[in-house]
Amino acid sequence: MGNTDNVVDIEDFNFEGERDETTFIIHMLAGSIAGLMEHVAMYPIDTIKVYRNNKFRFICKHQPKD
């Protein structure tokens, strides 16, 4: 087998422990990038959705009444 000196047992690992590797600025930067990527990905889809909803509303509103 390989070297197992750095292996941590899953029961011994503290997932919610304090981590000193990253600073608050790094977390702010990561959140900003995630928010920006969400807007870049979803804005075109949201624009199409709003356009289709408004077009449907316009068509239904201007139907001739019998």
PDB file of N, CA and C in Angstrom:
ATOM      1  N   MET A   1       0.836  -1.195   0.000  1.00  0.00           N
ATOM      2  CA  MET A   1       0.000   0.000   0.000  1.00  0.00           C
ATOM      3  C   MET A   1       0.867   1.239   0.000  1.00  0.00           C
ATOM      4  N   GLY A   2       0.209   2.402  -0.170  1.00  0.00           N
ATOM      5  CA  GLY A   2       0.924   3.674  -0.201  1.00  0.00           C
ATOM      6  C   GLY A   2       1.156   4.226   1.193  1.00  0.00           C
ATOM      7  N   ASN A   3       1.683   5.395   1.239  1.00  0.00           N
ATOM      8  CA  ASN A   3       1.969   6.085   2.490  1.00  0.00           C
ATOM      9  C   ASN A   3       0.658   6.595   3.092  1.00  0.00           C
ATOM     10  N   THR A   4       0.363   6.212   4.342  1.00  0.00           N
ATOM     11  CA  THR A   4      -0.887   6.619   4.996  1.00  0.00           C
ATOM     12  C   THR A   4      -0.630   7.512   6.196  1.00  0.00           C
ATOM     13  N   ASP A   5       0.480   8.256   6.199  1.00  0.00           N
ATOM     14  CA  ASP A   5       0.791   9.127   7.333  1.00  0.00           C
ATOM     15  C   ASP A   5      -0.160  10.313   7.417  1.00  0.00           C
ATOM     16  N   ASN A   6      -0.644  10.817   6.298  1.00  0.00           N
ATOM     17  CA  ASN A   6      -1.487  12.012   6.281  1.00  0.00           C
ATOM     18  C   ASN A   6      -2.981  11.706   6.234  1.00  0.00           C
ATOM     19  N   VAL A   7      -3.377  10.446   6.400  1.00  0.00           N
ATOM     20  CA  VAL A   7      -4.773  10.063   6.323  1.00  0.00           C
ATOM     21  C   VAL A   7      -5.455  10.391   7.656  1.00  0.00           C
ATOM     22  N   VAL A   8      -6.624  11.064   7.562  1.00  0.00           N
ATOM     23  CA  VAL A   8      -7.394  11.413   8.755  1.00  0.00           C
ATOM     24  C   VAL A   8      -8.657  10.575   8.739  1.00  0.00           C
ATOM     25  N   ASP A   9      -8.948   9.932   9.868  1.00  0.00           N
ATOM     26  CA  ASP A   9     -10.164   9.137   9.977  1.00  0.00           C
ATOM     27  C   ASP A   9     -11.370  10.073   9.937  1.00  0.00           C
ATOM     28  N   ILE A  10     -12.442   9.666   9.276  1.00  0.00           N
ATOM     29  CA  ILE A  10     -13.609  10.528   9.078  1.00  0.00           C
ATOM     30  C   ILE A  10     -14.259  10.897  10.410  1.00  0.00           C
ATOM     31  N   GLU A  11     -14.204  10.035  11.408  1.00  0.00           N
ATOM     32  CA  GLU A  11     -14.782  10.353  12.712  1.00  0.00           C
ATOM     33  C   GLU A  11     -13.960  11.406  13.453  1.00  0.00           C
ATOM     34  N   ASP A  12     -12.672  11.473  13.168  1.00  0.00           N
ATOM     35  CA  ASP A  12     -11.793  12.416  13.860  1.00  0.00           C
ATOM     36  C   ASP A  12     -11.744  13.787  13.196  1.00  0.00           C
ATOM     37  N   PHE A  13     -12.288  13.904  11.999  1.00  0.00           N
ATOM     38  CA  PHE A  13     -12.200  15.171  11.267  1.00  0.00           C
ATOM     39  C   PHE A  13     -13.319  16.111  11.699  1.00  0.00           C
ATOM     40  N   ASN A  14     -12.974  17.333  12.032  1.00  0.00           N
ATOM     41  CA  ASN A  14     -13.948  18.327  12.481  1.00  0.00           C
ATOM     42  C   ASN A  14     -14.327  19.200  11.288  1.00  0.00           C
ATOM     43  N   PHE A  15     -15.501  18.936  10.706  1.00  0.00           N
ATOM     44  CA  PHE A  15     -15.929  19.670   9.525  1.00  0.00           C
ATOM     45  C   PHE A  15     -16.303  21.107   9.849  1.00  0.00           C
ATOM     46  N   GLU A  16     -16.783  21.365  11.044  1.00  0.00           N
ATOM     47  CA  GLU A  16     -17.230  22.695  11.414  1.00  0.00           C
ATOM     48  C   GLU A  16     -16.208  23.434  12.269  1.00  0.00           C
ATOM     49  N   GLY A  17     -15.011  22.942  12.314  1.00  0.00           N
ATOM     50  CA  GLY A  17     -13.971  23.570  13.119  1.00  0.00           C
ATOM     51  C   GLY A  17     -13.486  24.857  12.495  1.00  0.00           C
ATOM     52  N   GLU A  18     -12.782  25.632  13.282  1.00  0.00           N
ATOM     53  CA  GLU A  18     -12.247  26.894  12.784  1.00  0.00           C
ATOM     54  C   GLU A  18     -11.053  26.616  11.883  1.00  0.00           C
ATOM     55  N   ARG A  19     -11.066  27.229  10.734  1.00  0.00           N
ATOM     56  CA  ARG A  19      -9.976  27.030   9.777  1.00  0.00           C
ATOM     57  C   ARG A  19      -9.221  28.345   9.634  1.00  0.00           C
ATOM     58  N   ASP A  20      -7.943  28.289   9.848  1.00  0.00           N
ATOM     59  CA  ASP A  20      -7.122  29.493   9.778  1.00  0.00           C
ATOM     60  C   ASP A  20      -6.472  29.674   8.410  1.00  0.00           C
ATOM     61  N   GLU A  21      -6.734  28.757   7.473  1.00  0.00           N
ATOM     62  CA  GLU A  21      -6.061  28.839   6.179  1.00  0.00           C
ATOM     63  C   GLU A  21      -6.577  30.003   5.339  1.00  0.00           C
ATOM     64  N   THR A  22      -7.872  30.325   5.447  1.00  0.00           N
ATOM     65  CA  THR A  22      -8.428  31.372   4.605  1.00  0.00           C
ATOM     66  C   THR A  22      -8.891  32.539   5.474  1.00  0.00           C
ATOM     67  N   THR A  23      -8.742  33.725   4.933  1.00  0.00           N
ATOM     68  CA  THR A  23      -9.131  34.928   5.661  1.00  0.00           C
ATOM     69  C   THR A  23     -10.522  35.381   5.223  1.00  0.00           C
ATOM     70  N   PHE A  24     -11.020  36.371   5.917  1.00  0.00           N
ATOM     71  CA  PHE A  24     -12.337  36.923   5.606  1.00  0.00           C
ATOM     72  C   PHE A  24     -12.358  37.512   4.200  1.00  0.00           C
ATOM     73  N   ILE A  25     -11.272  38.136   3.798  1.00  0.00           N
ATOM     74  CA  ILE A  25     -11.184  38.737   2.457  1.00  0.00           C
ATOM     75  C   ILE A  25     -11.313  37.656   1.383  1.00  0.00           C
ATOM     76  N   ILE A  26     -10.700  36.517   1.599  1.00  0.00           N
ATOM     77  CA  ILE A  26     -10.797  35.421   0.627  1.00  0.00           C
ATOM     78  C   ILE A  26     -12.237  34.938   0.522  1.00  0.00           C
ATOM     79  N   HIS A  27     -12.927  34.822   1.654  1.00  0.00           N
ATOM     80  CA  HIS A  27     -14.335  34.405   1.626  1.00  0.00           C
ATOM     81  C   HIS A  27     -15.202  35.455   0.934  1.00  0.00           C
ATOM     82  N   MET A  28     -14.922  36.734   1.177  1.00  0.00           N
ATOM     83  CA  MET A  28     -15.669  37.795   0.488  1.00  0.00           C
ATOM     84  C   MET A  28     -15.437  37.731  -1.012  1.00  0.00           C
ATOM     85  N   LEU A  29     -14.206  37.522  -1.414  1.00  0.00           N
ATOM     86  CA  LEU A  29     -13.879  37.436  -2.835  1.00  0.00           C
ATOM     87  C   LEU A  29     -14.558  36.228  -3.478  1.00  0.00           C
ATOM     88  N   ALA A  30     -14.545  35.095  -2.791  1.00  0.00           N
ATOM     89  CA  ALA A  30     -15.185  33.890  -3.328  1.00  0.00           C
ATOM     90  C   ALA A  30     -16.699  34.095  -3.459  1.00  0.00           C
ATOM     91  N   GLY A  31     -17.323  34.731  -2.471  1.00  0.00           N
ATOM     92  CA  GLY A  31     -18.756  35.004  -2.550  1.00  0.00           C
ATOM     93  C   GLY A  31     -19.090  35.973  -3.660  1.00  0.00           C
ATOM     94  N   SER A  32     -18.235  36.966  -3.854  1.00  0.00           N
ATOM     95  CA  SER A  32     -18.453  37.938  -4.932  1.00  0.00           C
ATOM     96  C   SER A  32     -18.358  37.269  -6.298  1.00  0.00           C
ATOM     97  N   ILE A  33     -17.378  36.426  -6.463  1.00  0.00           N
ATOM     98  CA  ILE A  33     -17.215  35.721  -7.741  1.00  0.00           C
ATOM     99  C   ILE A  33     -18.391  34.778  -7.977  1.00  0.00           C
ATOM    100  N   ALA A  34     -18.842  34.096  -6.923  1.00  0.00           N
ATOM    101  CA  ALA A  34     -19.991  33.192  -7.070  1.00  0.00           C
ATOM    102  C   ALA A  34     -21.252  33.971  -7.452  1.00  0.00           C
ATOM    103  N   GLY A  35     -21.473  35.124  -6.817  1.00  0.00           N
ATOM    104  CA  GLY A  35     -22.630  35.942  -7.164  1.00  0.00           C
ATOM    105  C   GLY A  35     -22.561  36.464  -8.584  1.00  0.00           C
ATOM    106  N   LEU A  36     -21.383  36.893  -8.998  1.00  0.00           N
ATOM    107  CA  LEU A  36     -21.196  37.388 -10.358  1.00  0.00           C
ATOM    108  C   LEU A  36     -21.467  36.281 -11.376  1.00  0.00           C
ATOM    109  N   MET A  37     -20.950  35.088 -11.118  1.00  0.00           N
ATOM    110  CA  MET A  37     -21.163  33.981 -12.053  1.00  0.00           C
ATOM    111  C   MET A  37     -22.643  33.582 -12.109  1.00  0.00           C
ATOM    112  N   GLU A  38     -23.340  33.688 -10.975  1.00  0.00           N
ATOM    113  CA  GLU A  38     -24.770  33.381 -10.976  1.00  0.00           C
ATOM    114  C   GLU A  38     -25.521  34.380 -11.850  1.00  0.00           C
ATOM    115  N   HIS A  39     -25.176  35.661 -11.746  1.00  0.00           N
ATOM    116  CA  HIS A  39     -25.839  36.668 -12.577  1.00  0.00           C
ATOM    117  C   HIS A  39     -25.500  36.482 -14.050  1.00  0.00           C
ATOM    118  N   VAL A  40     -24.256  36.165 -14.345  1.00  0.00           N
ATOM    119  CA  VAL A  40     -23.852  35.955 -15.736  1.00  0.00           C
ATOM    120  C   VAL A  40     -24.599  34.764 -16.336  1.00  0.00           C
ATOM    121  N   ALA A  41     -24.798  33.715 -15.543  1.00  0.00           N
ATOM    122  CA  ALA A  41     -25.454  32.521 -16.064  1.00  0.00           C
ATOM    123  C   ALA A  41     -26.971  32.688 -16.149  1.00  0.00           C
ATOM    124  N   MET A  42     -27.584  33.368 -15.176  1.00  0.00           N
ATOM    125  CA  MET A  42     -29.042  33.394 -15.093  1.00  0.00           C
ATOM    126  C   MET A  42     -29.687  34.610 -15.763  1.00  0.00           C
ATOM    127  N   TYR A  43     -28.964  35.697 -15.981  1.00  0.00           N
ATOM    128  CA  TYR A  43     -29.565  36.894 -16.561  1.00  0.00           C
ATOM    129  C   TYR A  43     -30.179  36.639 -17.941  1.00  0.00           C
ATOM    130  N   PRO A  44     -29.473  35.965 -18.855  1.00  0.00           N
ATOM    131  CA  PRO A  44     -30.102  35.710 -20.166  1.00  0.00           C
ATOM    132  C   PRO A  44     -31.354  34.848 -20.058  1.00  0.00           C
ATOM    133  N   ILE A  45     -31.335  33.852 -19.198  1.00  0.00           N
ATOM    134  CA  ILE A  45     -32.503  32.985 -19.025  1.00  0.00           C
ATOM    135  C   ILE A  45     -33.666  33.774 -18.441  1.00  0.00           C
ATOM    136  N   ASP A  46     -33.373  34.609 -17.447  1.00  0.00           N
ATOM    137  CA  ASP A  46     -34.417  35.414 -16.821  1.00  0.00           C
ATOM    138  C   ASP A  46     -34.995  36.425 -17.817  1.00  0.00           C
ATOM    139  N   THR A  47     -34.157  36.991 -18.657  1.00  0.00           N
ATOM    140  CA  THR A  47     -34.626  37.943 -19.663  1.00  0.00           C
ATOM    141  C   THR A  47     -35.589  37.270 -20.635  1.00  0.00           C
ATOM    142  N   ILE A  48     -35.252  36.085 -21.091  1.00  0.00           N
ATOM    143  CA  ILE A  48     -36.130  35.342 -21.997  1.00  0.00           C
ATOM    144  C   ILE A  48     -37.445  35.002 -21.294  1.00  0.00           C
ATOM    145  N   LYS A  49     -37.371  34.591 -20.042  1.00  0.00           N
ATOM    146  CA  LYS A  49     -38.577  34.246 -19.286  1.00  0.00           C
ATOM    147  C   LYS A  49     -39.512  35.447 -19.159  1.00  0.00           C
ATOM    148  N   VAL A  50     -38.968  36.599 -18.806  1.00  0.00           N
ATOM    149  CA  VAL A  50     -39.787  37.803 -18.658  1.00  0.00           C
ATOM    150  C   VAL A  50     -40.378  38.214 -19.999  1.00  0.00           C
ATOM    151  N   TYR A  51     -39.600  38.140 -21.063  1.00  0.00           N
ATOM    152  CA  TYR A  51     -40.088  38.493 -22.398  1.00  0.00           C
ATOM    153  C   TYR A  51     -41.257  37.590 -22.795  1.00  0.00           C
ATOM    154  N   ARG A  52     -41.107  36.277 -22.567  1.00  0.00           N
ATOM    155  CA  ARG A  52     -42.173  35.340 -22.934  1.00  0.00           C
ATOM    156  C   ARG A  52     -43.429  35.577 -22.102  1.00  0.00           C
ATOM    157  N   ASN A  53     -43.261  35.843 -20.795  1.00  0.00           N
ATOM    158  CA  ASN A  53     -44.422  36.091 -19.946  1.00  0.00           C
ATOM    159  C   ASN A  53     -45.161  37.351 -20.379  1.00  0.00           C
ATOM    160  N   ASN A  54     -44.431  38.408 -20.680  1.00  0.00           N
ATOM    161  CA  ASN A  54     -45.064  39.652 -21.110  1.00  0.00           C
ATOM    162  C   ASN A  54     -45.716  39.500 -22.483  1.00  0.00           C
ATOM    163  N   LYS A  55     -45.106  38.764 -23.372  1.00  0.00           N
ATOM    164  CA  LYS A  55     -45.679  38.532 -24.691  1.00  0.00           C
ATOM    165  C   LYS A  55     -46.980  37.750 -24.563  1.00  0.00           C
ATOM    166  N   PHE A  56     -47.008  36.728 -23.708  1.00  0.00           N
ATOM    167  CA  PHE A  56     -48.217  35.937 -23.491  1.00  0.00           C
ATOM    168  C   PHE A  56     -49.319  36.809 -22.893  1.00  0.00           C
ATOM    169  N   ARG A  57     -48.960  37.662 -21.946  1.00  0.00           N
ATOM    170  CA  ARG A  57     -49.942  38.546 -21.328  1.00  0.00           C
ATOM    171  C   ARG A  57     -50.506  39.528 -22.358  1.00  0.00           C
ATOM    172  N   PHE A  58     -49.656  40.047 -23.252  1.00  0.00           N
ATOM    173  CA  PHE A  58     -50.094  40.977 -24.286  1.00  0.00           C
ATOM    174  C   PHE A  58     -51.047  40.286 -25.257  1.00  0.00           C
ATOM    175  N   ILE A  59     -50.735  39.053 -25.646  1.00  0.00           N
ATOM    176  CA  ILE A  59     -51.572  38.313 -26.592  1.00  0.00           C
ATOM    177  C   ILE A  59     -52.940  38.025 -25.973  1.00  0.00           C
ATOM    178  N   CYS A  60     -52.956  37.597 -24.715  1.00  0.00           N
ATOM    179  CA  CYS A  60     -54.225  37.280 -24.057  1.00  0.00           C
ATOM    180  C   CYS A  60     -55.058  38.531 -23.842  1.00  0.00           C
ATOM    181  N   LYS A  61     -54.429  39.647 -23.607  1.00  0.00           N
ATOM    182  CA  LYS A  61     -55.132  40.892 -23.325  1.00  0.00           C
ATOM    183  C   LYS A  61     -55.810  41.441 -24.580  1.00  0.00           C
ATOM    184  N   HIS A  62     -55.202  41.219 -25.736  1.00  0.00           N
ATOM    185  CA  HIS A  62     -55.713  41.805 -26.976  1.00  0.00           C
ATOM    186  C   HIS A  62     -56.431  40.790 -27.848  1.00  0.00           C
ATOM    187  N   GLN A  63     -56.970  39.772 -27.260  1.00  0.00           N
ATOM    188  CA  GLN A  63     -57.768  38.811 -28.023  1.00  0.00           C
ATOM    189  C   GLN A  63     -59.129  39.427 -28.346  1.00  0.00           C
ATOM    190  N   PRO A  64     -59.638  39.207 -29.541  1.00  0.00           N
ATOM    191  CA  PRO A  64     -60.973  39.723 -29.858  1.00  0.00           C
ATOM    192  C   PRO A  64     -62.022  38.965 -29.042  1.00  0.00           C
ATOM    193  N   LYS A  65     -62.978  39.696 -28.511  1.00  0.00           N
ATOM    194  CA  LYS A  65     -64.036  39.083 -27.720  1.00  0.00           C
ATOM    195  C   LYS A  65     -65.211  38.745 -28.629  1.00  0.00           C
ATOM    196  N   ASP A  66     -65.733  37.562 -28.467  1.00  0.00           N
ATOM    197  CA  ASP A  66     -66.870  37.139 -29.293  1.00  0.00           C
ATOM    198  C   ASP A  66     -68.170  37.389 -28.581  1.00  0.00           C
TER     199      ASP A  66
END
